[in-house]
Amino acid sequence: MHIRQTKLLDIVNREQKISVTELAHRLGVSEVTIRKDLTSLEQKGLLHREHGFAVMSATDDVLHQLSFNYERKQRIAVMAAKTIKSGETVMLGDGACCTLLAEEIVLHKSDVTIITNSAFLASFVRKYPNAHVILLGGEYQNDAQVLVGPLIKDYAARFSVDKLFVSPDGFNEKGFMVADLMRSEAIRAIAENAGNVIVLAEGATLNRKSHVLAFSLEEVACVYTDDLLEREVLTLLEEHEVPTEVLPPPLTTAVRN
């Protein structure tokens, strides 16, 4: 995605609804260029268009979680993708960072197989000709668009991979948390067949707590995050000897207010 489009997404996220004219003014480009950007972003499902306006997705929509702080999530995904070799098979959980990692894989790697329980992730990369996704079966959760339940363990047991990438909803002194018990059970069942559990999450995500423990600190091989990670969280990771790669602050250019 063009850096201008990520800035456009950030503006729409803040404003919720904004005119094409105002977007063109803030980004210093023509309205024709803005309309082309909006068409591209709408095709990805990251926002909606109304007559003369851009509108953010509903806040309870999984696409809203993906589009919020899109640039940071994408940079984390790019960093994690460097660990994946062409021809490898990897497992991915649900979540925005994992979804963008999947996109990075199908765009820039060759012959990589993605195994996941995220129907949203599978749908998001379906349009790419290089996408090879195995979707694990189970009970479908409408809100998160993931598959959960006891069937997940049966399907996942047929595979053995080196890496499982996960995107938690929060963190505390016990480890990495998610918001739903069934999602936690599903990703733990998948992890039984992976050599290493790798966490992808914005610092802002790891700075907050959630409800259900997914992985303890001892069960995670490494963490990819950004510069918004609070010092006390990083200290806890260091004390438990969890390797943590922290992105530097993003390079930004001025955007008109």
Protein backbone atom coordinates (compact mmCIF):
# COMPACT_ATOMS: atom_id res chain seq x y z
CA MET A 1 0.00 0.00 0.00
CA HIS A 2 1.25 3.48 -0.90
CA ILE A 3 2.32 5.54 2.14
CA ARG A 4 -0.24 8.18 1.14
CA GLN A 5 -3.00 5.59 1.47
CA THR A 6 -1.87 4.64 4.98
CA LYS A 7 -1.94 8.32 5.95
CA LEU A 8 -5.39 8.61 4.37
CA LEU A 9 -6.59 5.66 6.49
CA ASP A 10 -5.23 7.27 9.64
CA ILE A 11 -7.09 10.50 8.87
CA VAL A 12 -10.38 8.71 8.21
CA ASN A 13 -9.92 6.71 11.41
CA ARG A 14 -9.57 9.91 13.40
CA GLU A 15 -12.41 11.78 11.71
CA GLN A 16 -14.75 8.78 11.08
CA LYS A 17 -16.23 10.70 8.12
CA ILE A 18 -14.43 13.22 5.93
CA SER A 19 -14.95 14.77 2.50
CA VAL A 20 -12.84 14.02 -0.55
CA THR A 21 -12.09 17.72 -0.83
CA GLU A 22 -10.70 17.87 2.70
CA LEU A 23 -8.62 14.72 2.20
CA ALA A 24 -7.10 16.17 -0.96
CA HIS A 25 -6.25 19.35 0.94
CA ARG A 26 -4.63 17.57 3.88
CA LEU A 27 -2.59 15.20 1.73
CA GLY A 28 -1.62 17.78 -0.89
CA VAL A 29 -2.91 15.86 -3.92
CA SER A 30 -5.78 16.15 -6.36
CA GLU A 31 -9.30 14.93 -5.69
CA VAL A 32 -8.86 12.55 -8.63
CA THR A 33 -5.92 10.92 -6.82
CA ILE A 34 -7.92 10.71 -3.58
CA ARG A 35 -10.84 9.05 -5.36
CA LYS A 36 -8.47 6.45 -6.84
CA ASP A 37 -7.03 5.79 -3.37
CA LEU A 38 -10.50 5.47 -1.88
CA THR A 39 -11.51 2.99 -4.58
CA SER A 40 -8.46 0.86 -3.79
CA LEU A 41 -9.07 0.99 -0.03
CA GLU A 42 -12.78 0.26 -0.40
CA GLN A 43 -11.99 -2.79 -2.53
CA LYS A 44 -9.88 -4.06 0.38
CA GLY A 45 -12.82 -3.37 2.70
CA LEU A 46 -10.83 -0.92 4.83
CA LEU A 47 -13.36 1.91 4.56
CA HIS A 48 -16.62 2.85 2.88
CA ARG A 49 -17.49 5.58 0.42
CA GLU A 50 -20.52 7.78 0.43
CA HIS A 51 -21.23 10.54 -2.07
CA GLY A 52 -18.23 12.86 -1.76
CA PHE A 53 -17.10 11.35 1.56
CA ALA A 54 -14.94 8.57 3.03
CA VAL A 55 -16.41 6.75 6.05
CA MET A 56 -14.66 4.39 8.46
CA SER A 57 -15.96 0.87 8.98
CA ALA A 58 -18.11 0.21 12.05
CA THR A 59 -15.98 -0.03 15.19
CA ASP A 60 -17.14 -3.59 15.90
CA ASP A 61 -16.11 -4.70 12.41
CA VAL A 62 -12.94 -6.79 12.15
CA LEU A 63 -11.94 -4.59 9.21
CA HIS A 64 -11.93 -1.58 11.51
CA GLN A 65 -9.33 -3.28 13.70
CA LEU A 66 -7.24 -3.92 10.61
CA SER A 67 -7.43 -0.36 9.30
CA PHE A 68 -6.72 1.31 12.66
CA ASN A 69 -2.98 2.19 12.83
CA TYR A 70 -2.58 0.30 9.57
CA GLU A 71 0.97 1.54 8.94
CA ARG A 72 2.27 0.23 12.27
CA LYS A 73 0.64 -3.15 11.79
CA GLN A 74 2.03 -3.41 8.28
CA ARG A 75 5.57 -2.57 9.40
CA ILE A 76 5.38 -5.27 12.07
CA ALA A 77 4.17 -7.75 9.44
CA VAL A 78 7.03 -6.83 7.09
CA MET A 79 9.56 -7.37 9.89
CA ALA A 80 8.12 -10.79 10.76
CA ALA A 81 7.94 -11.86 7.10
CA LYS A 82 11.74 -11.66 6.90
CA THR A 83 11.90 -14.81 9.04
CA ILE A 84 9.89 -16.84 6.51
CA LYS A 85 11.62 -18.63 3.65
CA SER A 86 10.14 -19.42 0.27
CA GLY A 87 8.79 -22.97 0.19
CA GLU A 88 8.01 -22.96 3.93
CA THR A 89 4.72 -23.89 5.59
CA VAL A 90 3.62 -21.64 8.46
CA MET A 91 0.64 -21.35 10.77
CA LEU A 92 -1.11 -18.03 11.37
CA GLY A 93 -3.70 -17.15 13.98
CA ASP A 94 -6.36 -14.51 13.61
CA GLY A 95 -5.86 -10.79 14.13
CA ALA A 96 -4.83 -7.75 12.13
CA CYS A 97 -1.06 -8.23 12.25
CA CYS A 98 -1.38 -11.88 11.19
CA THR A 99 -3.68 -10.87 8.33
CA LEU A 100 -1.15 -8.34 7.05
CA LEU A 101 1.62 -10.91 7.47
CA ALA A 102 -0.38 -13.26 5.24
CA GLU A 103 -0.65 -10.51 2.63
CA GLU A 104 3.08 -9.84 2.86
CA ILE A 105 3.77 -13.56 2.36
CA VAL A 106 1.61 -13.95 -0.74
CA LEU A 107 2.99 -10.76 -2.27
CA HIS A 108 6.70 -11.30 -1.67
CA LYS A 109 7.34 -15.00 -0.99
CA SER A 110 7.03 -17.95 -3.32
CA ASP A 111 5.48 -21.34 -2.64
CA VAL A 112 4.59 -20.64 1.01
CA THR A 113 1.65 -22.53 2.49
CA ILE A 114 -0.40 -20.75 5.16
CA ILE A 115 -2.39 -22.84 7.64
CA THR A 116 -4.93 -20.83 9.63
CA ASN A 117 -8.23 -20.91 11.51
CA SER A 118 -9.06 -17.36 10.41
CA ALA A 119 -11.72 -17.23 7.72
CA PHE A 120 -11.18 -13.47 7.56
CA LEU A 121 -7.48 -13.91 6.79
CA ALA A 122 -8.20 -16.50 4.11
CA SER A 123 -10.76 -14.20 2.49
CA PHE A 124 -8.46 -11.18 2.69
CA VAL A 125 -5.71 -12.80 0.57
CA ARG A 126 -7.95 -14.82 -1.73
CA LYS A 127 -7.50 -12.43 -4.66
CA TYR A 128 -3.75 -12.93 -4.85
CA PRO A 129 -2.71 -15.63 -7.35
CA ASN A 130 0.22 -16.70 -5.15
CA ALA A 131 -1.99 -17.38 -2.12
CA HIS A 132 -2.00 -20.98 -0.87
CA VAL A 133 -4.13 -21.23 2.27
CA ILE A 134 -5.34 -24.25 4.22
CA LEU A 135 -8.30 -23.29 6.40
CA LEU A 136 -8.71 -25.46 9.49
CA GLY A 137 -12.28 -26.59 10.09
CA GLY A 138 -14.41 -25.96 13.15
CA GLU A 139 -17.27 -23.90 14.55
CA TYR A 140 -17.51 -20.46 12.93
CA GLN A 141 -17.50 -17.37 15.14
CA ASN A 142 -19.29 -14.51 13.40
CA ASP A 143 -17.69 -11.65 15.32
CA ALA A 144 -14.01 -12.52 14.85
CA GLN A 145 -14.58 -14.59 11.67
CA VAL A 146 -12.51 -17.48 13.05
CA LEU A 147 -13.03 -21.21 13.41
CA VAL A 148 -12.92 -22.69 16.91
CA GLY A 149 -13.95 -25.81 18.81
CA PRO A 150 -12.67 -29.39 19.20
CA LEU A 151 -12.42 -30.07 15.46
CA ILE A 152 -9.57 -27.56 15.23
CA LYS A 153 -7.30 -29.86 17.23
CA ASP A 154 -8.07 -32.83 14.96
CA TYR A 155 -7.32 -30.88 11.79
CA ALA A 156 -4.21 -29.13 13.13
CA ALA A 157 -2.73 -32.45 14.28
CA ARG A 158 -2.24 -33.41 10.64
CA PHE A 159 0.48 -30.79 10.26
CA SER A 160 3.86 -30.04 11.78
CA VAL A 161 5.49 -26.64 11.19
CA ASP A 162 8.31 -24.57 12.65
CA LYS A 163 6.44 -21.29 13.16
CA LEU A 164 3.05 -20.21 14.45
CA PHE A 165 2.40 -16.46 14.34
CA VAL A 166 -0.25 -15.10 16.71
CA SER A 167 -1.76 -11.67 17.39
CA PRO A 168 -3.01 -11.41 20.99
CA ASP A 169 -5.53 -8.91 22.33
CA GLY A 170 -3.54 -7.95 25.43
CA PHE A 171 -0.81 -8.83 27.89
CA ASN A 172 -0.16 -9.10 31.64
CA GLU A 173 2.39 -10.61 33.99
CA LYS A 174 1.09 -14.12 33.20
CA GLY A 175 1.54 -13.79 29.45
CA PHE A 176 -0.31 -13.07 26.23
CA MET A 177 -4.08 -12.76 26.41
CA VAL A 178 -7.08 -12.97 24.08
CA ALA A 179 -10.64 -11.82 24.54
CA ASP A 180 -12.41 -15.14 24.09
CA LEU A 181 -11.99 -18.57 25.74
CA MET A 182 -12.80 -20.56 22.60
CA ARG A 183 -10.28 -18.57 20.55
CA SER A 184 -7.68 -19.25 23.24
CA GLU A 185 -8.38 -22.98 23.18
CA ALA A 186 -8.24 -23.05 19.39
CA ILE A 187 -4.90 -21.27 19.06
CA ARG A 188 -3.39 -23.43 21.82
CA ALA A 189 -4.53 -26.55 19.96
CA ILE A 190 -2.87 -25.25 16.80
CA ALA A 191 0.32 -24.42 18.74
CA GLU A 192 0.74 -28.07 19.72
CA ASN A 193 1.87 -28.67 16.14
CA ALA A 194 4.30 -25.74 15.83
CA GLY A 195 7.89 -25.55 17.00
CA ASN A 196 7.83 -21.84 17.86
CA VAL A 197 5.07 -19.42 18.86
CA ILE A 198 5.82 -15.92 17.56
CA VAL A 199 3.81 -12.91 18.74
CA LEU A 200 2.97 -9.99 16.43
CA ALA A 201 1.33 -7.04 18.16
CA GLU A 202 1.40 -3.29 18.35
CA GLY A 203 2.87 -1.91 21.54
CA ALA A 204 -0.50 -0.34 22.32
CA THR A 205 -2.03 -3.83 22.30
CA LEU A 206 0.57 -5.27 24.67
CA ASN A 207 0.13 -2.30 26.98
CA ARG A 208 -3.45 -3.32 27.77
CA LYS A 209 -4.97 -6.31 29.50
CA SER A 210 -7.47 -8.80 28.13
CA HIS A 211 -9.51 -11.66 29.58
CA VAL A 212 -8.13 -15.12 28.75
CA LEU A 213 -4.55 -16.41 28.85
CA ALA A 214 -3.44 -17.82 25.50
CA PHE A 215 0.32 -18.27 26.01
CA SER A 216 2.57 -17.86 29.01
CA LEU A 217 5.83 -15.95 28.67
CA GLU A 218 7.74 -19.24 28.67
CA GLU A 219 5.76 -20.55 25.70
CA VAL A 220 6.62 -17.69 23.33
CA ALA A 221 9.77 -17.79 21.21
CA CYS A 222 9.89 -14.10 20.30
CA VAL A 223 7.84 -10.91 19.98
CA TYR A 224 7.60 -8.38 17.17
CA THR A 225 6.17 -5.04 18.23
CA ASP A 226 6.65 -1.26 17.89
CA ASP A 227 7.96 1.72 19.80
CA LEU A 228 4.69 2.33 21.69
CA LEU A 229 5.47 -0.63 23.97
CA GLU A 230 5.63 0.61 27.56
CA ARG A 231 8.94 0.24 29.36
CA GLU A 232 7.53 -1.96 32.13
CA VAL A 233 6.15 -4.42 29.56
CA LEU A 234 9.50 -4.60 27.77
CA THR A 235 11.25 -5.09 31.12
CA LEU A 236 8.98 -8.02 31.95
CA LEU A 237 9.72 -9.61 28.57
CA GLU A 238 13.45 -9.12 29.14
CA GLU A 239 13.28 -10.60 32.63
CA HIS A 240 11.71 -13.74 31.15
CA GLU A 241 14.28 -13.77 28.34
CA VAL A 242 11.70 -13.41 25.58
CA PRO A 243 13.53 -11.99 22.52
CA THR A 244 11.71 -8.82 21.48
CA GLU A 245 12.17 -6.90 18.24
CA VAL A 246 10.90 -3.32 18.60
CA LEU A 247 10.34 -1.22 15.50
CA PRO A 248 11.69 2.33 15.61
CA PRO A 249 9.21 5.20 15.31
CA PRO A 250 7.74 5.42 11.79
CA LEU A 251 9.15 7.98 9.41
CA THR A 252 6.41 10.52 8.84
CA THR A 253 5.91 13.54 6.66
CA ALA A 254 3.71 16.47 7.55
CA VAL A 255 0.02 16.12 6.87
CA ARG A 256 -2.14 19.24 6.84
CA ASN A 257 -4.62 19.50 9.71
